[in-house]
């Protein structure tokens, strides 16, 4: 019996969702078993940096 691969274990799909639909991309990144933990930390860091930069520009 074939096991169906979960959508969040596809790095290409998760990357596409990160660009075009970030909430689902971040969830997929969190759940993914195929993406290296160092890469996950780097991507989360980029998103935090973007959010902080937006807040500084908007409210600063």
N, C-alpha and C. Protein backbone atom coordinates (compact mmCIF):
# COMPACT_ATOMS: atom_id res chain seq x y z
N UNK A 1 0.84 -1.18 0.00
CA UNK A 1 0.00 0.00 0.00
C UNK A 1 0.89 1.25 0.00
N UNK A 2 0.61 2.18 -0.88
CA UNK A 2 1.37 3.41 -0.98
C UNK A 2 0.93 4.40 0.10
N UNK A 3 1.91 5.06 0.69
CA UNK A 3 1.57 6.12 1.63
C UNK A 3 1.61 7.44 0.89
N UNK A 4 0.63 8.26 1.12
CA UNK A 4 0.55 9.54 0.44
C UNK A 4 1.43 10.56 1.18
N UNK A 5 2.26 11.25 0.42
CA UNK A 5 3.15 12.25 1.01
C UNK A 5 2.34 13.48 1.40
N UNK A 6 2.61 14.00 2.57
CA UNK A 6 1.94 15.21 3.05
C UNK A 6 2.42 16.42 2.25
N UNK A 7 1.55 17.40 2.07
CA UNK A 7 1.89 18.56 1.26
C UNK A 7 3.04 19.35 1.88
N UNK A 8 3.15 19.36 3.19
CA UNK A 8 4.19 20.15 3.84
C UNK A 8 5.55 19.49 3.81
N UNK A 9 5.65 18.29 3.29
CA UNK A 9 6.95 17.64 3.14
C UNK A 9 7.55 17.88 1.76
N UNK A 10 6.91 18.70 0.96
CA UNK A 10 7.44 19.07 -0.35
C UNK A 10 8.12 20.44 -0.25
N UNK A 11 9.45 20.49 -0.25
CA UNK A 11 10.14 21.78 -0.10
C UNK A 11 9.76 22.80 -1.18
N UNK A 12 9.51 22.33 -2.40
CA UNK A 12 9.14 23.25 -3.47
C UNK A 12 7.79 23.90 -3.20
N UNK A 13 6.82 23.11 -2.74
CA UNK A 13 5.50 23.66 -2.44
C UNK A 13 5.56 24.61 -1.25
N UNK A 14 6.31 24.24 -0.23
CA UNK A 14 6.44 25.11 0.95
C UNK A 14 7.11 26.42 0.55
N UNK A 15 8.12 26.38 -0.29
CA UNK A 15 8.78 27.61 -0.76
C UNK A 15 7.84 28.49 -1.55
N UNK A 16 7.03 27.88 -2.40
CA UNK A 16 6.05 28.64 -3.17
C UNK A 16 5.02 29.29 -2.25
N UNK A 17 4.55 28.54 -1.26
CA UNK A 17 3.58 29.10 -0.32
C UNK A 17 4.20 30.21 0.52
N UNK A 18 5.47 30.09 0.85
CA UNK A 18 6.13 31.16 1.60
C UNK A 18 6.13 32.47 0.82
N UNK A 19 6.26 32.37 -0.50
CA UNK A 19 6.29 33.59 -1.33
C UNK A 19 4.90 34.16 -1.56
N UNK A 20 3.91 33.28 -1.83
CA UNK A 20 2.61 33.77 -2.27
C UNK A 20 1.51 33.71 -1.21
N UNK A 21 1.67 32.87 -0.19
CA UNK A 21 0.67 32.74 0.87
C UNK A 21 1.40 32.42 2.17
N UNK A 22 2.08 33.43 2.74
CA UNK A 22 2.99 33.21 3.86
C UNK A 22 2.42 32.47 5.08
N UNK A 23 1.18 32.70 5.50
CA UNK A 23 0.71 31.95 6.68
C UNK A 23 0.75 30.43 6.47
N UNK A 24 0.33 29.97 5.32
CA UNK A 24 0.37 28.54 5.04
C UNK A 24 1.79 28.05 4.82
N UNK A 25 2.62 28.90 4.24
CA UNK A 25 4.02 28.54 4.04
C UNK A 25 4.75 28.37 5.36
N UNK A 26 4.48 29.27 6.31
CA UNK A 26 5.12 29.16 7.62
C UNK A 26 4.62 27.92 8.36
N UNK A 27 3.35 27.61 8.22
CA UNK A 27 2.82 26.39 8.84
C UNK A 27 3.46 25.16 8.21
N UNK A 28 3.58 25.16 6.90
CA UNK A 28 4.22 24.04 6.22
C UNK A 28 5.68 23.91 6.61
N UNK A 29 6.34 25.04 6.79
CA UNK A 29 7.74 25.03 7.22
C UNK A 29 7.85 24.43 8.62
N UNK A 30 6.93 24.79 9.49
CA UNK A 30 6.92 24.28 10.86
C UNK A 30 6.70 22.76 10.89
N UNK A 31 5.79 22.26 10.06
CA UNK A 31 5.43 20.85 10.07
C UNK A 31 6.37 19.97 9.26
N UNK A 32 7.14 20.55 8.35
CA UNK A 32 7.95 19.78 7.42
C UNK A 32 9.01 18.93 8.11
N UNK A 33 9.16 17.72 7.63
CA UNK A 33 10.19 16.82 8.13
C UNK A 33 11.37 16.77 7.16
N UNK A 34 11.23 17.33 5.96
CA UNK A 34 12.26 17.26 4.94
C UNK A 34 13.16 18.49 4.89
N UNK A 35 12.78 19.57 5.54
CA UNK A 35 13.55 20.80 5.50
C UNK A 35 14.45 20.84 6.73
N UNK A 36 15.74 21.12 6.52
CA UNK A 36 16.73 21.14 7.58
C UNK A 36 16.39 22.20 8.64
N UNK A 37 16.67 21.89 9.90
CA UNK A 37 16.32 22.81 10.99
C UNK A 37 17.07 24.13 10.88
N UNK A 38 18.31 24.12 10.36
CA UNK A 38 19.05 25.38 10.20
C UNK A 38 18.38 26.26 9.15
N UNK A 39 17.84 25.64 8.10
CA UNK A 39 17.13 26.40 7.07
C UNK A 39 15.83 26.97 7.65
N UNK A 40 15.16 26.20 8.47
CA UNK A 40 13.93 26.68 9.11
C UNK A 40 14.21 27.91 9.96
N UNK A 41 15.27 27.85 10.76
CA UNK A 41 15.63 28.98 11.62
C UNK A 41 15.98 30.20 10.78
N UNK A 42 16.68 30.01 9.68
CA UNK A 42 17.04 31.14 8.80
C UNK A 42 15.80 31.77 8.19
N UNK A 43 14.86 30.95 7.75
CA UNK A 43 13.63 31.50 7.13
C UNK A 43 12.78 32.22 8.17
N UNK A 44 12.65 31.64 9.37
CA UNK A 44 11.92 32.33 10.43
C UNK A 44 12.58 33.66 10.76
N UNK A 45 13.91 33.68 10.79
CA UNK A 45 14.64 34.91 11.06
C UNK A 45 14.37 35.98 10.02
N UNK A 46 14.32 35.58 8.77
CA UNK A 46 14.02 36.54 7.69
C UNK A 46 12.62 37.12 7.88
N UNK A 47 11.65 36.27 8.22
CA UNK A 47 10.29 36.77 8.42
C UNK A 47 10.20 37.71 9.63
N UNK A 48 10.90 37.39 10.71
CA UNK A 48 10.91 38.27 11.88
C UNK A 48 11.56 39.60 11.52
N UNK A 49 12.66 39.56 10.77
CA UNK A 49 13.34 40.78 10.35
C UNK A 49 12.41 41.65 9.51
N UNK A 50 11.68 41.04 8.58
CA UNK A 50 10.76 41.80 7.72
C UNK A 50 9.65 42.43 8.56
N UNK A 51 9.12 41.70 9.52
CA UNK A 51 8.05 42.23 10.36
C UNK A 51 8.56 43.40 11.21
N UNK A 52 9.74 43.23 11.82
CA UNK A 52 10.31 44.31 12.64
C UNK A 52 10.61 45.53 11.77
N UNK A 53 11.16 45.31 10.60
CA UNK A 53 11.44 46.42 9.68
C UNK A 53 10.16 47.15 9.30
N UNK A 54 9.11 46.42 9.01
CA UNK A 54 7.82 47.04 8.69
C UNK A 54 7.30 47.86 9.86
N UNK A 55 7.39 47.31 11.08
CA UNK A 55 6.90 48.04 12.24
C UNK A 55 7.70 49.31 12.51
N UNK A 56 9.02 49.24 12.33
CA UNK A 56 9.86 50.42 12.52
C UNK A 56 9.53 51.50 11.50
N UNK A 57 9.36 51.09 10.26
CA UNK A 57 9.04 52.06 9.21
C UNK A 57 7.65 52.64 9.41
N UNK A 58 6.72 51.80 9.77
CA UNK A 58 5.33 52.24 9.89
C UNK A 58 5.11 53.11 11.13
N UNK A 59 5.67 52.73 12.25
CA UNK A 59 5.42 53.45 13.50
C UNK A 59 6.58 54.32 13.94
N UNK A 60 7.68 54.25 13.22
CA UNK A 60 8.87 55.00 13.63
C UNK A 60 8.89 56.35 13.11
